[in-house]
Amino acid sequence: MAKSAPGISRMNLEHLKTFHVVASLGSFTEAAKVLFLSQPAVSQQIQGLEHALKNPLFDRGKRQIRLTARGKILFNHTQRLFGIFKEIESVFNDLNQLQTGELTIAASAVMGNYFLPDIIAEFSKTYPLINIRLEMGDSAYVTELVEKGAADLALSRHVEGLKNCHQELLSKEPYVCVCSPTFPLAALKKAITPEEFGKNYLVMRQRGSRMRSKIEEWFGSVGASEFLSAPLIEVNSLESSKHLIQSGIGMAAFPLVAVKEEIKQEKLLEVHVKNFSVTADYFLGINPNQDLSPAAFQFISLLKNKTSRTD
C-alpha cells in the first residue's frame, strides 16, 4: 500500500478547520472569536499546518492577511471538505427527525388497495416509529386533501383545474383481460378477437368510472363498439368484479397491479385479445406551497425508486 506524504499525515482536522475559518474571515482575531480560541493558539495551529505542508499559506501584512497561491489551493479543498461535512450533518438531522412523526397518504382505490401496501410495509420497517395514515377515495377527493394540507401526498389519476396540487406522472399501468380458468374461452390457445371479447358476458365498473371509460374507448378505437353487445354486470367495486370473474361468470379488463396475485395463483387467467392496448396513468400529487416533511420526502424517494424499477 502506498504511503502518505509525511506532511499530509501530520495534518490535523482541527488545524484545517482553523485555517478554513481564518481564510473565510480574513482575520486571525475574528477566527479566534468564532473558534473560542486565543489568537496565539490560532496562529500556532496555522504555523503547524504550514510546517506540515512545507508551504506558507498566508501573506501576513500589518493590517491584513492574504492567502498565498498555495493557500488558495488549500482553501478550495477545505471549502469542498467542510461542504461535505454540512451535507452529512443535514442528512442525519433529517434522518433523526424520522424517528417520530406522521405521514398522511391520500390514494385512489387501485393505488391504495394494490400498489401501496408493499411500499408502506417496506417504509414502516425502515422507520417503525412514523405513524402512517392512508386516506382513500376518488381522485378528486384525494387531490383535494393535498390542496387543503390534510395529506402530504396524493396518488391518483390526473385531475384538471388543481390550484394547490402539482401532479407528476408516476407510473403507467397496463390493463389485462382476464377470465376464470373454467371459462370456455380459457381453453383457447390463441388470442381472441375484439368481437369475441365483446360478445362474451362482461363484468364492468359502473358507467362514468375511469375503468369503464377506458374499455369503451378501446372498443371504439379498434372499430369494435358494435361488438360490445353482450349482457353486462355493472359493479361499483373492483374487488367484487374480481370475485365475479373468478366464479366463471364472464370476462373483464383490470389494471395488472390489481390482478397480478390472482394470475400468479391461477385464480384468474390472462386472456390475450388482439390489438388490446390500454394503460392507466397514475400521478403523484404534492402541494407546491408546503415544504415536504422528512417522512414525506423519504416516502416519495422510495415510491419513485420502486416505480422506476417496474416501468
Protein backbone atom coordinates (compact mmCIF):
# COMPACT_ATOMS: atom_id res chain seq x y z
CA MET A 1 0.00 0.00 0.00
CA ALA A 2 1.31 3.44 -0.93
CA LYS A 3 2.49 5.61 1.96
CA SER A 4 1.08 9.08 2.57
CA ALA A 5 3.39 12.03 2.17
CA PRO A 6 4.92 12.90 5.57
CA GLY A 7 3.38 16.37 5.58
CA ILE A 8 -0.10 15.10 4.78
CA SER A 9 -0.04 12.52 7.56
CA ARG A 10 0.75 15.24 10.10
CA MET A 11 -2.25 17.35 9.09
CA ASN A 12 -4.86 17.76 11.79
CA LEU A 13 -8.56 18.18 11.02
CA GLU A 14 -8.85 20.86 13.68
CA HIS A 15 -5.96 22.73 12.08
CA LEU A 16 -7.68 22.53 8.72
CA LYS A 17 -10.86 23.88 10.29
CA THR A 18 -8.92 26.74 11.85
CA PHE A 19 -7.29 27.51 8.50
CA HIS A 20 -10.69 27.43 6.79
CA VAL A 21 -12.22 29.89 9.27
CA VAL A 22 -9.23 32.25 9.09
CA ALA A 23 -9.29 32.17 5.29
CA SER A 24 -13.06 32.73 5.22
CA LEU A 25 -12.96 35.68 7.63
CA GLY A 26 -9.60 37.10 6.54
CA SER A 27 -8.62 37.66 10.16
CA PHE A 28 -6.84 35.73 12.91
CA THR A 29 -8.63 37.82 15.53
CA GLU A 30 -12.13 37.16 14.19
CA ALA A 31 -11.35 33.48 13.67
CA ALA A 32 -10.22 33.20 17.30
CA LYS A 33 -13.59 34.60 18.44
CA VAL A 34 -15.57 32.18 16.27
CA LEU A 35 -13.48 29.19 17.33
CA PHE A 36 -13.35 30.18 21.02
CA LEU A 37 -9.56 30.06 20.94
CA SER A 38 -6.89 32.56 21.86
CA GLN A 39 -5.25 34.39 18.97
CA PRO A 40 -1.84 32.82 19.78
CA ALA A 41 -3.47 29.36 19.63
CA VAL A 42 -4.89 30.15 16.18
CA SER A 43 -1.51 31.38 14.98
CA GLN A 44 0.19 28.29 16.36
CA GLN A 45 -2.22 25.96 14.53
CA ILE A 46 -1.70 27.79 11.24
CA GLN A 47 2.07 27.62 11.67
CA GLY A 48 1.83 23.90 12.39
CA LEU A 49 -0.19 23.38 9.22
CA GLU A 50 2.28 25.42 7.17
CA HIS A 51 5.11 23.36 8.59
CA ALA A 52 3.31 20.10 7.77
CA LEU A 53 2.65 21.20 4.18
CA LYS A 54 6.06 22.88 3.82
CA ASN A 55 4.41 25.94 2.29
CA PRO A 56 3.33 29.35 3.58
CA LEU A 57 -0.44 29.71 3.44
CA PHE A 58 -0.85 33.41 4.30
CA ASP A 59 0.95 36.63 3.47
CA ARG A 60 0.87 38.46 6.78
CA GLY A 61 0.70 42.24 6.47
CA LYS A 62 0.49 44.77 9.25
CA ARG A 63 -3.23 45.34 8.86
CA GLN A 64 -4.49 42.36 6.89
CA ILE A 65 -3.64 38.86 5.81
CA ARG A 66 -3.98 37.36 2.36
CA LEU A 67 -3.89 33.83 1.07
CA THR A 68 -0.82 32.81 -0.84
CA ALA A 69 -1.21 30.92 -4.12
CA ARG A 70 -0.77 27.64 -2.22
CA GLY A 71 -3.15 28.88 0.45
CA LYS A 72 -5.82 29.48 -2.20
CA ILE A 73 -5.40 25.90 -3.41
CA LEU A 74 -5.86 24.58 0.12
CA PHE A 75 -8.87 26.85 0.68
CA ASN A 76 -10.58 25.43 -2.41
CA HIS A 77 -10.15 21.95 -0.94
CA THR A 78 -11.34 22.89 2.55
CA GLN A 79 -14.44 24.51 1.07
CA ARG A 80 -15.34 21.18 -0.51
CA LEU A 81 -14.33 19.25 2.62
CA PHE A 82 -16.45 21.24 5.05
CA GLY A 83 -19.25 21.46 2.50
CA ILE A 84 -19.41 17.65 2.63
CA PHE A 85 -19.49 17.82 6.43
CA LYS A 86 -22.51 20.13 6.24
CA GLU A 87 -24.25 17.77 3.83
CA ILE A 88 -23.65 14.84 6.18
CA GLU A 89 -24.99 16.83 9.11
CA SER A 90 -28.08 17.85 7.13
CA VAL A 91 -28.80 14.27 6.02
CA PHE A 92 -28.55 12.89 9.54
CA ASN A 93 -30.60 15.72 11.00
CA ASP A 94 -33.36 14.74 8.59
CA LEU A 95 -32.96 11.07 9.47
CA ASN A 96 -33.13 11.86 13.17
CA GLN A 97 -36.39 13.69 12.61
CA LEU A 98 -37.75 10.49 11.07
CA GLN A 99 -37.59 8.77 14.45
CA THR A 100 -41.01 10.25 15.15
CA GLY A 101 -43.69 11.95 13.10
CA GLU A 102 -46.71 11.36 10.93
CA LEU A 103 -47.29 10.73 7.25
CA THR A 104 -50.69 11.06 5.60
CA ILE A 105 -51.09 9.47 2.17
CA ALA A 106 -54.21 10.00 0.07
CA ALA A 107 -54.81 7.44 -2.67
CA SER A 108 -57.39 6.29 -5.17
CA ALA A 109 -58.75 2.75 -4.85
CA VAL A 110 -56.34 0.99 -7.21
CA MET A 111 -53.30 2.73 -5.76
CA GLY A 112 -54.39 2.32 -2.15
CA ASN A 113 -55.51 -1.29 -2.37
CA TYR A 114 -52.93 -2.81 -4.70
CA PHE A 115 -49.98 -0.51 -5.33
CA LEU A 116 -49.16 0.92 -1.93
CA PRO A 117 -49.33 -1.92 0.64
CA ASP A 118 -45.89 -3.40 -0.13
CA ILE A 119 -44.29 0.05 -0.28
CA ILE A 120 -45.86 1.14 3.00
CA ALA A 121 -44.71 -2.11 4.62
CA GLU A 122 -41.12 -1.54 3.48
CA PHE A 123 -41.18 2.08 4.66
CA SER A 124 -42.55 1.05 8.07
CA LYS A 125 -39.76 -1.48 8.54
CA THR A 126 -37.19 1.25 7.95
CA TYR A 127 -38.99 3.92 10.01
CA PRO A 128 -41.10 1.97 12.54
CA LEU A 129 -41.94 5.00 14.71
CA ILE A 130 -43.57 7.01 11.93
CA ASN A 131 -47.35 6.96 12.19
CA ILE A 132 -48.90 6.42 8.74
CA ARG A 133 -52.47 7.27 7.81
CA LEU A 134 -53.91 6.15 4.47
CA GLU A 135 -56.94 8.08 3.20
CA MET A 136 -58.74 6.58 0.21
CA GLY A 137 -61.30 8.00 -2.17
CA ASP A 138 -61.75 9.06 -5.76
CA SER A 139 -59.09 11.15 -7.49
CA ALA A 140 -60.88 14.47 -6.94
CA TYR A 141 -61.18 13.78 -3.21
CA VAL A 142 -57.58 12.72 -2.58
CA THR A 143 -56.08 15.64 -4.53
CA GLU A 144 -58.36 18.00 -2.61
CA LEU A 145 -56.87 16.67 0.63
CA VAL A 146 -53.42 17.69 -0.61
CA GLU A 147 -54.68 21.13 -1.66
CA LYS A 148 -56.13 21.67 1.83
CA GLY A 149 -52.96 20.49 3.56
CA ALA A 150 -54.77 17.49 5.03
CA ALA A 151 -52.48 14.99 3.26
CA ASP A 152 -48.77 15.02 2.46
CA LEU A 153 -49.20 13.45 -0.97
CA ALA A 154 -51.83 12.02 -3.29
CA LEU A 155 -51.67 9.09 -5.69
CA SER A 156 -54.40 9.19 -8.30
CA ARG A 157 -55.32 9.81 -11.90
CA HIS A 158 -54.74 13.24 -13.43
CA VAL A 159 -57.22 15.86 -12.25
CA GLU A 160 -57.84 19.08 -14.18
CA GLY A 161 -58.02 22.53 -12.61
CA LEU A 162 -55.95 21.94 -9.49
CA LYS A 163 -54.52 25.11 -7.94
CA ASN A 164 -52.52 23.84 -4.97
CA CYS A 165 -51.65 20.31 -6.04
CA HIS A 166 -48.85 19.76 -8.52
CA GLN A 167 -49.11 16.37 -10.24
CA GLU A 168 -46.32 14.48 -11.96
CA LEU A 169 -46.59 11.19 -13.81
CA LEU A 170 -45.52 8.35 -11.54
CA SER A 171 -46.44 5.16 -13.36
CA LYS A 172 -48.14 3.78 -16.46
CA GLU A 173 -50.08 0.65 -15.54
CA PRO A 174 -51.17 -1.77 -18.29
CA TYR A 175 -54.62 -3.32 -18.31
CA VAL A 176 -55.06 -7.05 -18.88
CA CYS A 177 -58.11 -9.07 -19.92
CA VAL A 178 -58.92 -11.95 -17.59
CA CYS A 179 -61.38 -14.77 -17.06
CA SER A 180 -61.75 -17.75 -14.77
CA PRO A 181 -59.71 -20.87 -15.67
CA THR A 182 -63.10 -22.60 -16.02
CA PHE A 183 -64.49 -20.08 -18.52
CA PRO A 184 -64.98 -21.59 -22.03
CA LEU A 185 -62.56 -19.20 -23.78
CA ALA A 186 -59.84 -20.15 -21.28
CA ALA A 187 -59.24 -23.34 -23.25
CA LEU A 188 -58.24 -21.43 -26.38
CA LYS A 189 -54.51 -21.35 -27.05
CA LYS A 190 -54.62 -18.29 -29.29
CA ALA A 191 -55.54 -14.63 -28.98
CA ILE A 192 -59.22 -13.84 -29.30
CA THR A 193 -60.66 -11.02 -31.41
CA PRO A 194 -62.25 -7.84 -30.03
CA GLU A 195 -65.55 -9.25 -31.32
CA GLU A 196 -65.16 -12.42 -29.25
CA PHE A 197 -64.23 -10.35 -26.22
CA GLY A 198 -67.19 -8.00 -26.67
CA LYS A 199 -69.77 -10.71 -27.26
CA ASN A 200 -68.99 -12.55 -24.04
CA TYR A 201 -70.60 -11.77 -20.73
CA LEU A 202 -68.63 -8.77 -19.43
CA VAL A 203 -68.23 -7.56 -15.89
CA MET A 204 -67.61 -3.82 -15.93
CA ARG A 205 -67.42 -0.96 -13.49
CA GLN A 206 -70.29 1.50 -13.28
CA ARG A 207 -70.83 3.90 -16.17
CA GLY A 208 -68.73 7.04 -15.80
CA SER A 209 -65.90 5.30 -13.96
CA ARG A 210 -62.44 5.67 -15.44
CA MET A 211 -62.04 1.90 -15.80
CA ARG A 212 -65.32 1.59 -17.72
CA SER A 213 -64.49 4.59 -19.91
CA LYS A 214 -61.10 3.22 -20.88
CA ILE A 215 -62.53 -0.10 -22.06
CA GLU A 216 -65.29 1.60 -24.03
CA GLU A 217 -62.74 3.95 -25.61
CA TRP A 218 -60.62 0.99 -26.64
CA PHE A 219 -63.57 -0.75 -28.32
CA GLY A 220 -64.17 2.48 -30.22
CA SER A 221 -60.50 2.86 -31.20
CA VAL A 222 -60.46 -0.57 -32.88
CA GLY A 223 -63.82 -0.01 -34.53
CA ALA A 224 -65.50 -2.65 -32.42
CA SER A 225 -68.03 -0.69 -30.38
CA GLU A 226 -70.82 -2.59 -32.14
CA PHE A 227 -69.46 -5.84 -30.68
CA LEU A 228 -69.94 -4.57 -27.15
CA SER A 229 -73.31 -6.28 -27.18
CA ALA A 230 -73.12 -8.96 -24.51
CA PRO A 231 -75.10 -8.62 -21.28
CA LEU A 232 -73.21 -6.55 -18.72
CA ILE A 233 -72.89 -6.85 -14.99
CA GLU A 234 -72.16 -3.40 -13.57
CA VAL A 235 -70.28 -3.38 -10.29
CA ASN A 236 -69.04 -0.38 -8.29
CA SER A 237 -66.32 -2.36 -6.51
CA LEU A 238 -63.18 -3.68 -8.14
CA GLU A 239 -62.92 -6.49 -5.59
CA SER A 240 -66.49 -7.58 -6.30
CA SER A 241 -65.70 -7.55 -10.02
CA LYS A 242 -62.77 -9.89 -9.46
CA HIS A 243 -64.83 -12.30 -7.38
CA LEU A 244 -67.50 -12.45 -10.09
CA ILE A 245 -64.89 -13.23 -12.74
CA GLN A 246 -63.34 -15.93 -10.53
CA SER A 247 -66.77 -17.55 -10.26
CA GLY A 248 -66.68 -18.11 -14.03
CA ILE A 249 -69.43 -15.69 -14.99
CA GLY A 250 -67.61 -13.81 -17.76
CA MET A 251 -64.62 -11.65 -18.69
CA ALA A 252 -63.23 -8.28 -17.67
CA ALA A 253 -60.25 -5.97 -18.06
CA PHE A 254 -58.39 -4.74 -14.99
CA PRO A 255 -55.18 -2.85 -14.22
CA LEU A 256 -52.48 -5.51 -13.97
CA VAL A 257 -51.47 -4.38 -10.48
CA ALA A 258 -55.00 -5.25 -9.27
CA VAL A 259 -54.96 -8.87 -10.50
CA LYS A 260 -51.32 -9.94 -10.67
CA GLU A 261 -51.60 -12.02 -7.49
CA GLU A 262 -54.72 -13.82 -8.72
CA ILE A 263 -52.99 -14.53 -12.05
CA LYS A 264 -49.93 -15.81 -10.20
CA GLN A 265 -52.11 -18.08 -8.05
CA GLU A 266 -54.05 -19.19 -11.16
CA LYS A 267 -57.34 -17.95 -9.76
CA LEU A 268 -57.60 -15.82 -12.89
CA LEU A 269 -56.27 -16.45 -16.36
CA GLU A 270 -54.94 -13.70 -18.62
CA VAL A 271 -56.70 -13.74 -21.99
CA HIS A 272 -54.84 -12.26 -24.96
CA VAL A 273 -57.08 -10.07 -27.09
CA LYS A 274 -55.85 -8.88 -30.48
CA ASN A 275 -54.84 -5.20 -30.53
CA PHE A 276 -55.70 -4.78 -26.86
CA SER A 277 -53.61 -1.92 -25.53
CA VAL A 278 -54.97 0.03 -22.59
CA THR A 279 -52.93 1.75 -19.89
CA ALA A 280 -53.78 3.84 -16.85
CA ASP A 281 -51.62 6.80 -15.88
CA TYR A 282 -51.10 7.31 -12.16
CA PHE A 283 -49.84 10.60 -10.77
CA LEU A 284 -48.08 11.77 -7.63
CA GLY A 285 -49.53 15.00 -6.27
CA ILE A 286 -47.96 17.35 -3.72
CA ASN A 287 -48.75 20.87 -2.55
CA PRO A 288 -46.09 23.21 -4.02
CA ASN A 289 -46.81 25.80 -1.32
CA GLN A 290 -45.86 23.50 1.54
CA ASP A 291 -42.49 22.04 2.46
CA LEU A 292 -42.37 18.26 2.49
CA SER A 293 -41.79 16.71 5.88
CA PRO A 294 -38.71 14.46 6.15
CA ALA A 295 -41.06 11.47 6.31
CA ALA A 296 -42.90 12.50 3.14
CA PHE A 297 -39.62 13.18 1.35
CA GLN A 298 -38.24 9.74 2.19
CA PHE A 299 -41.51 8.01 1.28
CA ILE A 300 -41.63 9.73 -2.11
CA SER A 301 -38.00 8.73 -2.73
CA LEU A 302 -38.89 5.10 -2.01
CA LEU A 303 -42.01 5.39 -4.17
CA LYS A 304 -40.09 6.72 -7.17
CA ASN A 305 -37.38 4.13 -6.72
CA LYS A 306 -39.94 1.32 -6.81
CA THR A 307 -41.81 2.67 -9.82
CA SER A 308 -38.60 3.25 -11.79
CA ARG A 309 -37.77 -0.45 -11.35
CA THR A 310 -41.12 -1.60 -12.68
CA ASP A 311 -41.68 0.84 -15.56
